[in-house]
C-alpha atoms as a PDB file:
ATOM      1  CA  MET A   1     -11.978 -27.940  13.790  1.00  0.00           C
ATOM      2  CA  SER A   2     -13.924 -25.447  11.696  1.00  0.00           C
ATOM      3  CA  VAL A   3     -12.824 -23.457   8.576  1.00  0.00           C
ATOM      4  CA  ASN A   4     -12.683 -20.211  10.396  1.00  0.00           C
ATOM      5  CA  GLU A   5     -10.791 -21.807  13.332  1.00  0.00           C
ATOM      6  CA  GLU A   6      -8.205 -23.300  10.949  1.00  0.00           C
ATOM      7  CA  ILE A   7      -7.704 -19.894   9.084  1.00  0.00           C
ATOM      8  CA  ARG A   8      -7.207 -18.227  12.401  1.00  0.00           C
ATOM      9  CA  SER A   9      -4.749 -21.006  13.562  1.00  0.00           C
ATOM     10  CA  GLU A  10      -2.510 -20.451  10.431  1.00  0.00           C
ATOM     11  CA  ARG A  11       0.974 -18.823  11.068  1.00  0.00           C
ATOM     12  CA  ARG A  12       0.812 -15.495   9.671  1.00  0.00           C
ATOM     13  CA  CYS A  13       3.539 -12.900   9.356  1.00  0.00           C
ATOM     14  CA  PRO A  14       3.308 -10.187  12.161  1.00  0.00           C
ATOM     15  CA  VAL A  15       4.116  -7.459   9.766  1.00  0.00           C
ATOM     16  CA  CYS A  16       2.132  -8.086   6.398  1.00  0.00           C
ATOM     17  CA  ASP A  17      -0.295 -10.801   7.955  1.00  0.00           C
ATOM     18  CA  VAL A  18       0.457 -12.929   4.809  1.00  0.00           C
ATOM     19  CA  VAL A  19      -0.147 -16.792   5.585  1.00  0.00           C
ATOM     20  CA  LEU A  20       3.050 -18.444   5.979  1.00  0.00           C
ATOM     21  CA  GLY A  21       2.126 -21.952   5.095  1.00  0.00           C
ATOM     22  CA  PRO A  22       5.375 -24.249   4.768  1.00  0.00           C
ATOM     23  CA  TRP A  23       7.830 -21.117   5.107  1.00  0.00           C
ATOM     24  CA  ARG A  24       9.278 -20.669   8.378  1.00  0.00           C
ATOM     25  CA  ARG A  25       9.535 -16.937   7.938  1.00  0.00           C
ATOM     26  CA  CYS A  26       7.842 -14.448   5.864  1.00  0.00           C
ATOM     27  CA  PRO A  27       9.393 -14.298   2.132  1.00  0.00           C
ATOM     28  CA  ASN A  28       8.774 -10.460   2.275  1.00  0.00           C
ATOM     29  CA  TYR A  29      12.062  -8.516   1.960  1.00  0.00           C
ATOM     30  CA  TRP A  30      10.945  -5.547   4.302  1.00  0.00           C
ATOM     31  CA  CYS A  31       9.189  -7.569   6.774  1.00  0.00           C
ATOM     32  CA  HIS A  32      12.676  -8.490   8.634  1.00  0.00           C
ATOM     33  CA  ARG A  33      14.119  -5.059   8.432  1.00  0.00           C
ATOM     34  CA  GLU A  34      14.155  -2.527  11.098  1.00  0.00           C
ATOM     35  CA  ASP A  35      14.406   0.248   8.415  1.00  0.00           C
ATOM     36  CA  ARG A  36      11.124  -0.540   6.813  1.00  0.00           C
ATOM     37  CA  GLY A  37       9.489   2.469   8.345  1.00  0.00           C
ATOM     38  CA  PHE A  38       5.659   1.102   8.437  1.00  0.00           C
ATOM     39  CA  ASP A  39       4.614  -0.865  11.596  1.00  0.00           C
ATOM     40  CA  THR A  40       1.979  -3.067   9.756  1.00  0.00           C
ATOM     41  CA  VAL A  41       0.039  -3.721   6.698  1.00  0.00           C
ATOM     42  CA  TRP A  42      -3.388  -5.067   6.115  1.00  0.00           C
ATOM     43  CA  ALA A  43      -4.976  -6.202   3.062  1.00  0.00           C
ATOM     44  CA  VAL A  44      -9.082  -6.357   2.189  1.00  0.00           C
ATOM     45  CA  GLY A  45      -8.041  -9.523  -0.133  1.00  0.00           C
ATOM     46  CA  GLU A  46      -5.549 -11.346  -2.420  1.00  0.00           C
ATOM     47  CA  HIS A  47      -4.701  -9.612  -5.787  1.00  0.00           C
ATOM     48  CA  ARG A  48      -6.646 -12.181  -7.946  1.00  0.00           C
ATOM     49  CA  GLY A  49      -9.949 -13.097  -9.441  1.00  0.00           C
ATOM     50  CA  GLU A  50     -12.737 -10.487  -9.382  1.00  0.00           C
ATOM     51  CA  LEU A  51     -10.961  -7.960  -7.013  1.00  0.00           C
ATOM     52  CA  ARG A  52      -7.908  -7.960  -9.255  1.00  0.00           C
ATOM     53  CA  HIS A  53     -10.376  -7.313 -12.332  1.00  0.00           C
ATOM     54  CA  ALA A  54     -11.771  -4.253 -10.512  1.00  0.00           C
ATOM     55  CA  ILE A  55      -8.577  -2.537  -9.531  1.00  0.00           C
ATOM     56  CA  ALA A  56      -7.077  -2.926 -13.174  1.00  0.00           C
ATOM     57  CA  ALA A  57     -10.401  -1.683 -14.627  1.00  0.00           C
ATOM     58  CA  LEU A  58     -10.552   1.641 -12.682  1.00  0.00           C
ATOM     59  CA  LYS A  59      -6.569   1.773 -12.626  1.00  0.00           C
ATOM     60  CA  TYR A  60      -5.647   1.170 -16.386  1.00  0.00           C
ATOM     61  CA  ARG A  61      -9.198   1.760 -18.201  1.00  0.00           C
ATOM     62  CA  GLY A  62     -10.557   4.440 -16.089  1.00  0.00           C
ATOM     63  CA  GLU A  63     -13.956   2.539 -15.463  1.00  0.00           C
ATOM     64  CA  ARG A  64     -15.077   4.542 -12.512  1.00  0.00           C
ATOM     65  CA  ARG A  65     -17.821   2.537 -11.471  1.00  0.00           C
ATOM     66  CA  TYR A  66     -15.506   0.287  -9.725  1.00  0.00           C
ATOM     67  CA  ALA A  67     -14.429   3.153  -7.641  1.00  0.00           C
ATOM     68  CA  ALA A  68     -17.868   2.888  -5.521  1.00  0.00           C
ATOM     69  CA  LEU A  69     -17.555  -0.821  -5.300  1.00  0.00           C
ATOM     70  CA  LEU A  70     -13.828  -0.713  -4.227  1.00  0.00           C
ATOM     71  CA  GLY A  71     -14.692   2.123  -1.688  1.00  0.00           C
ATOM     72  CA  ARG A  72     -17.201   0.017  -0.124  1.00  0.00           C
ATOM     73  CA  LEU A  73     -14.825  -2.767   0.185  1.00  0.00           C
ATOM     74  CA  LEU A  74     -12.442  -0.508   1.855  1.00  0.00           C
ATOM     75  CA  ALA A  75     -15.046   1.112   4.196  1.00  0.00           C
ATOM     76  CA  GLY A  76     -16.544  -2.177   5.226  1.00  0.00           C
ATOM     77  CA  PHE A  77     -12.985  -3.468   6.346  1.00  0.00           C
ATOM     78  CA  LEU A  78     -12.278  -0.426   8.369  1.00  0.00           C
ATOM     79  CA  VAL A  79     -15.756  -0.735  10.237  1.00  0.00           C
ATOM     80  CA  GLU A  80     -15.371  -4.634  10.855  1.00  0.00           C
ATOM     81  CA  HIS A  81     -11.799  -4.261  12.094  1.00  0.00           C
ATOM     82  CA  ALA A  82     -12.712  -1.015  13.862  1.00  0.00           C
ATOM     83  CA  PRO A  83     -10.717  -1.699  17.275  1.00  0.00           C
ATOM     84  CA  THR A  84      -7.617  -2.019  15.111  1.00  0.00           C
ATOM     85  CA  PHE A  85      -7.726   1.375  13.739  1.00  0.00           C
ATOM     86  CA  ASP A  86      -9.174   3.398  16.744  1.00  0.00           C
ATOM     87  CA  ASP A  87      -6.079   5.397  17.307  1.00  0.00           C
ATOM     88  CA  VAL A  88      -5.533   6.532  13.469  1.00  0.00           C
ATOM     89  CA  GLY A  89      -5.125   9.955  13.498  1.00  0.00           C
ATOM     90  CA  VAL A  90      -5.581  10.636   9.813  1.00  0.00           C
ATOM     91  CA  ILE A  91      -6.060   8.368   6.622  1.00  0.00           C
ATOM     92  CA  VAL A  92      -4.314   9.312   3.732  1.00  0.00           C
ATOM     93  CA  ARG A  93      -3.719   7.744   0.104  1.00  0.00           C
ATOM     94  CA  THR A  94      -0.808   6.719  -1.720  1.00  0.00           C
ATOM     95  CA  PRO A  95      -0.321   9.309  -4.617  1.00  0.00           C
ATOM     96  CA  GLY A  96       0.054   7.807  -7.957  1.00  0.00           C
ATOM     97  CA  THR A  97       1.019   9.284 -11.345  1.00  0.00           C
ATOM     98  CA  VAL A  98      -1.898  10.027 -13.696  1.00  0.00           C
ATOM     99  CA  GLY A  99      -0.765   9.532 -17.489  1.00  0.00           C
ATOM    100  CA  TRP A 100      -1.238   7.554 -20.457  1.00  0.00           C
ATOM    101  CA  LEU A 101      -1.001   4.337 -18.377  1.00  0.00           C
ATOM    102  CA  ARG A 102      -3.375   5.381 -15.638  1.00  0.00           C
ATOM    103  CA  PRO A 103      -6.265   7.616 -16.813  1.00  0.00           C
ATOM    104  CA  CYS A 104      -7.329   8.602 -13.395  1.00  0.00           C
ATOM    105  CA  ASP A 105      -6.120   9.027  -9.817  1.00  0.00           C
ATOM    106  CA  HIS A 106      -7.810   5.544  -8.940  1.00  0.00           C
ATOM    107  CA  THR A 107      -6.652   5.400  -5.232  1.00  0.00           C
ATOM    108  CA  GLY A 108      -8.017   8.873  -4.640  1.00  0.00           C
ATOM    109  CA  GLU A 109     -11.172   8.053  -6.239  1.00  0.00           C
ATOM    110  CA  ILE A 110     -11.515   5.009  -4.097  1.00  0.00           C
ATOM    111  CA  LEU A 111     -10.751   6.901  -0.831  1.00  0.00           C
ATOM    112  CA  ASP A 112     -13.471   9.560  -1.606  1.00  0.00           C
ATOM    113  CA  ALA A 113     -15.848   6.885  -2.302  1.00  0.00           C
ATOM    114  CA  ALA A 114     -15.066   5.211   1.228  1.00  0.00           C
ATOM    115  CA  SER A 115     -15.125   8.726   2.887  1.00  0.00           C
ATOM    116  CA  VAL A 116     -18.819   9.039   2.021  1.00  0.00           C
ATOM    117  CA  LEU A 117     -19.575   5.967   4.139  1.00  0.00           C
ATOM    118  CA  ILE A 118     -17.185   6.486   6.838  1.00  0.00           C
ATOM    119  CA  GLY A 119     -15.835  10.163   6.748  1.00  0.00           C
ATOM    120  CA  ASP A 120     -17.344  10.930  10.269  1.00  0.00           C
ATOM    121  CA  LEU A 121     -15.651   7.943  11.905  1.00  0.00           C
ATOM    122  CA  TRP A 122     -11.965   8.893  10.591  1.00  0.00           C
ATOM    123  CA  ARG A 123     -10.207  12.014   9.387  1.00  0.00           C
ATOM    124  CA  ILE A 124      -9.807  11.105   5.741  1.00  0.00           C
ATOM    125  CA  ASP A 125      -7.317  13.736   3.844  1.00  0.00           C
ATOM    126  CA  ALA A 126      -6.445  12.292   0.348  1.00  0.00           C
ATOM    127  CA  ASP A 127      -4.499  15.407  -0.586  1.00  0.00           C
ATOM    128  CA  LEU A 128      -2.348  15.381   2.422  1.00  0.00           C
ATOM    129  CA  LEU A 129       0.482  13.445   0.748  1.00  0.00           C
ATOM    130  CA  THR A 130       1.439  14.437  -3.023  1.00  0.00           C
ATOM    131  CA  LYS A 131       4.024  13.622  -5.478  1.00  0.00           C
ATOM    132  CA  THR A 132       5.685  16.605  -6.882  1.00  0.00           C
ATOM    133  CA  ASP A 133       7.315  14.848  -9.959  1.00  0.00           C
ATOM    134  CA  ALA A 134       5.815  11.668 -12.142  1.00  0.00           C
ATOM    135  CA  THR A 135       7.718   8.466 -11.174  1.00  0.00           C
ATOM    136  CA  ARG A 136       7.639   5.493 -13.464  1.00  0.00           C
ATOM    137  CA  PRO A 137       5.357   2.533 -12.636  1.00  0.00           C
ATOM    138  CA  MET A 138       6.532  -0.262 -10.412  1.00  0.00           C
ATOM    139  CA  VAL A 139       4.167  -3.009 -11.969  1.00  0.00           C
ATOM    140  CA  GLY A 140       6.034  -5.770 -14.018  1.00  0.00           C
ATOM    141  CA  THR A 141       9.483  -4.700 -12.531  1.00  0.00           C
ATOM    142  CA  ALA A 142      12.102  -6.990 -10.855  1.00  0.00           C
ATOM    143  CA  ALA A 143      12.092  -6.960  -6.652  1.00  0.00           C
ATOM    144  CA  ALA A 144      15.595  -5.261  -6.539  1.00  0.00           C
ATOM    145  CA  LEU A 145      14.780  -2.629  -9.320  1.00  0.00           C
ATOM    146  CA  ARG A 146      11.570  -1.680  -7.483  1.00  0.00           C
ATOM    147  CA  ARG A 147      13.427  -1.060  -4.317  1.00  0.00           C
ATOM    148  CA  LEU A 148      16.004   0.909  -6.039  1.00  0.00           C
ATOM    149  CA  ARG A 149      13.116   3.146  -7.989  1.00  0.00           C
ATOM    150  CA  ALA A 150      11.218   3.687  -4.676  1.00  0.00           C
ATOM    151  CA  ALA A 151      14.301   4.502  -2.834  1.00  0.00           C
ATOM    152  CA  GLY A 152      15.326   7.024  -5.764  1.00  0.00           C
ATOM    153  CA  GLU A 153      12.792   8.964  -7.665  1.00  0.00           C
ATOM    154  CA  LEU A 154       9.601   7.961  -5.547  1.00  0.00           C
ATOM    155  CA  ARG A 155      11.420   9.182  -2.321  1.00  0.00           C
ATOM    156  CA  ALA A 156      12.581  12.592  -3.967  1.00  0.00           C
ATOM    157  CA  SER A 157       8.862  13.140  -5.212  1.00  0.00           C
ATOM    158  CA  LEU A 158       6.893  12.713  -2.020  1.00  0.00           C
ATOM    159  CA  ALA A 159       5.868  15.609   0.101  1.00  0.00           C
ATOM    160  CA  VAL A 160       3.599  16.072   3.047  1.00  0.00           C
ATOM    161  CA  THR A 161       1.436  19.210   2.308  1.00  0.00           C
ATOM    162  CA  ASP A 162       0.500  20.057   5.755  1.00  0.00           C
ATOM    163  CA  PRO A 163       3.035  18.551   8.620  1.00  0.00           C
ATOM    164  CA  GLY A 164       1.034  19.869  11.249  1.00  0.00           C
ATOM    165  CA  ALA A 165      -1.622  17.443  10.362  1.00  0.00           C
ATOM    166  CA  VAL A 166       0.432  14.285  10.809  1.00  0.00           C
ATOM    167  CA  ALA A 167       2.524  15.672  13.724  1.00  0.00           C
ATOM    168  CA  GLY A 168       2.411  13.386  16.620  1.00  0.00           C
ATOM    169  CA  ARG A 169      -0.136  11.145  14.992  1.00  0.00           C
ATOM    170  CA  ARG A 170      -0.585   7.538  13.651  1.00  0.00           C
ATOM    171  CA  ILE A 171      -1.220   7.637   9.933  1.00  0.00           C
ATOM    172  CA  LEU A 172      -2.904   4.784   8.092  1.00  0.00           C
ATOM    173  CA  ALA A 173      -1.977   5.036   4.041  1.00  0.00           C
ATOM    174  CA  VAL A 174      -4.220   3.384   1.644  1.00  0.00           C
ATOM    175  CA  ASP A 175      -3.175   1.773  -1.597  1.00  0.00           C
ATOM    176  CA  ASP A 176      -4.533  -0.620  -3.876  1.00  0.00           C
ATOM    177  CA  VAL A 177      -1.927  -3.356  -4.121  1.00  0.00           C
ATOM    178  CA  PHE A 178       0.889  -4.342  -1.594  1.00  0.00           C
ATOM    179  CA  THR A 179       3.679  -6.188  -3.316  1.00  0.00           C
ATOM    180  CA  ASP A 180       6.919  -6.023  -1.244  1.00  0.00           C
ATOM    181  CA  GLY A 181       6.221  -2.807   0.678  1.00  0.00           C
ATOM    182  CA  SER A 182       8.973  -0.688  -0.994  1.00  0.00           C
ATOM    183  CA  THR A 183       6.382   1.770  -1.842  1.00  0.00           C
ATOM    184  CA  LEU A 184       4.749   1.882   1.596  1.00  0.00           C
ATOM    185  CA  ARG A 185       8.636   2.080   3.082  1.00  0.00           C
ATOM    186  CA  GLU A 186       8.797   5.497   1.282  1.00  0.00           C
ATOM    187  CA  ILE A 187       5.317   6.861   2.273  1.00  0.00           C
ATOM    188  CA  ALA A 188       6.234   5.958   5.722  1.00  0.00           C
ATOM    189  CA  GLY A 189       9.463   7.724   5.544  1.00  0.00           C
ATOM    190  CA  ALA A 190       7.848  10.707   4.282  1.00  0.00           C
ATOM    191  CA  LEU A 191       5.041  10.813   6.847  1.00  0.00           C
ATOM    192  CA  ARG A 192       7.640  10.052   9.609  1.00  0.00           C
ATOM    193  CA  LYS A 193       9.984  13.012   8.530  1.00  0.00           C
ATOM    194  CA  ALA A 194       6.819  15.210   8.618  1.00  0.00           C
ATOM    195  CA  GLY A 195       6.262  14.214  12.340  1.00  0.00           C
ATOM    196  CA  ALA A 196       4.119  11.213  12.145  1.00  0.00           C
ATOM    197  CA  SER A 197       4.397   8.992  15.230  1.00  0.00           C
ATOM    198  CA  ALA A 198       3.722   5.867  13.534  1.00  0.00           C
ATOM    199  CA  VAL A 199       2.604   4.708   9.905  1.00  0.00           C
ATOM    200  CA  SER A 200       0.729   1.568   8.785  1.00  0.00           C
ATOM    201  CA  GLY A 201      -0.852   0.464   5.691  1.00  0.00           C
ATOM    202  CA  LEU A 202      -4.336  -0.619   4.316  1.00  0.00           C
ATOM    203  CA  VAL A 203      -4.583  -1.996   0.767  1.00  0.00           C
ATOM    204  CA  LEU A 204      -7.271  -3.475  -1.226  1.00  0.00           C
ATOM    205  CA  ALA A 205      -5.299  -6.600  -2.298  1.00  0.00           C
ATOM    206  CA  ARG A 206      -1.978  -8.419  -1.309  1.00  0.00           C
ATOM    207  CA  GLN A 207      -0.090  -9.755  -4.145  1.00  0.00           C
ATOM    208  CA  PRO A 208       0.641 -13.299  -3.390  1.00  0.00           C
ATOM    209  CA  LEU A 209       3.938 -13.938  -2.383  1.00  0.00           C
ATOM    210  CA  ALA A 210       6.882 -16.216  -3.616  1.00  0.00           C
ATOM    211  CA  PRO A 211       9.906 -17.099  -1.834  1.00  0.00           C
ATOM    212  CA  PRO A 212      12.529 -14.232  -2.831  1.00  0.00           C
ATOM    213  CA  ALA A 213      14.914 -15.305  -5.858  1.00  0.00           C
ATOM    214  CA  GLY A 214      17.509 -12.975  -4.484  1.00  0.00           C
ATOM    215  CA  GLY A 215      19.732 -10.617  -6.697  1.00  0.00           C
ATOM    216  CA  SER A 216      22.841  -8.530  -6.474  1.00  0.00           C
ATOM    217  CA  VAL A 217      22.838  -4.774  -6.727  1.00  0.00           C
ATOM    218  CA  ARG A 218      24.905  -5.548 -10.005  1.00  0.00           C
ATOM    219  CA  ALA A 219      21.861  -7.359 -11.552  1.00  0.00           C
ATOM    220  CA  ALA A 220      19.656  -4.563 -10.434  1.00  0.00           C
ATOM    221  CA  ALA A 221      21.909  -2.121 -12.126  1.00  0.00           C
ATOM    222  CA  HIS A 222      21.948  -4.106 -15.108  1.00  0.00           C
ATOM    223  CA  ALA A 223      17.921  -4.342 -15.168  1.00  0.00           C
ATOM    224  CA  TRP A 224      17.644  -0.617 -14.434  1.00  0.00           C
ATOM    225  CA  TYR A 225      19.954   0.160 -17.552  1.00  0.00           C
ATOM    226  CA  ARG A 226      17.861  -2.360 -19.924  1.00  0.00           C
ATOM    227  CA  ALA A 227      14.530  -0.545 -18.859  1.00  0.00           C
ATOM    228  CA  ARG A 228      15.649   2.825 -19.722  1.00  0.00           C
END
């Protein structure tokens, strides 16, 4: 059996496409819940090595030369897997918060770079989904706390600028990194509320997953209080 055949034969999660390896079921929290809101999420690669470096350089240091590189990767993935995305009505970005930790709208710049290459193949609207208020970064937070913040401040801040552009359409939401889907769940909720028929995700990198450690609501509440 060739290497490619071995890769294709590996068991993968039908939702987030992660290789399951020895796990009987995907350790991702949202993949088994009917209320996750999104259908499927694809990743160009894993959040490690040069890909991780390029994302961090653009996201946290504002090194804009990486936007073109990451945009090409995104465009190449879409074209290579075009039949999967044939029925996508609109491609949108996941809005971020620009501030002292994030000097630029990195996801928007990546999508802009990709649109130069594929803008005539799909409708791309980077401004269709916005945030009305700044939200705290999710990176580095415990899983339970991340879910609480997403369902709280992130959900309250999301707005669809033109509901008519998403009504009845399948929407593809682009982001930089997929961790557990808490952000994508809120994105999907906002788009579905505006009338989208389906929402899927496409990210540059999937965070390597580990079996969930669990955690109670009380532990999450303590973590939230300590983080204030």
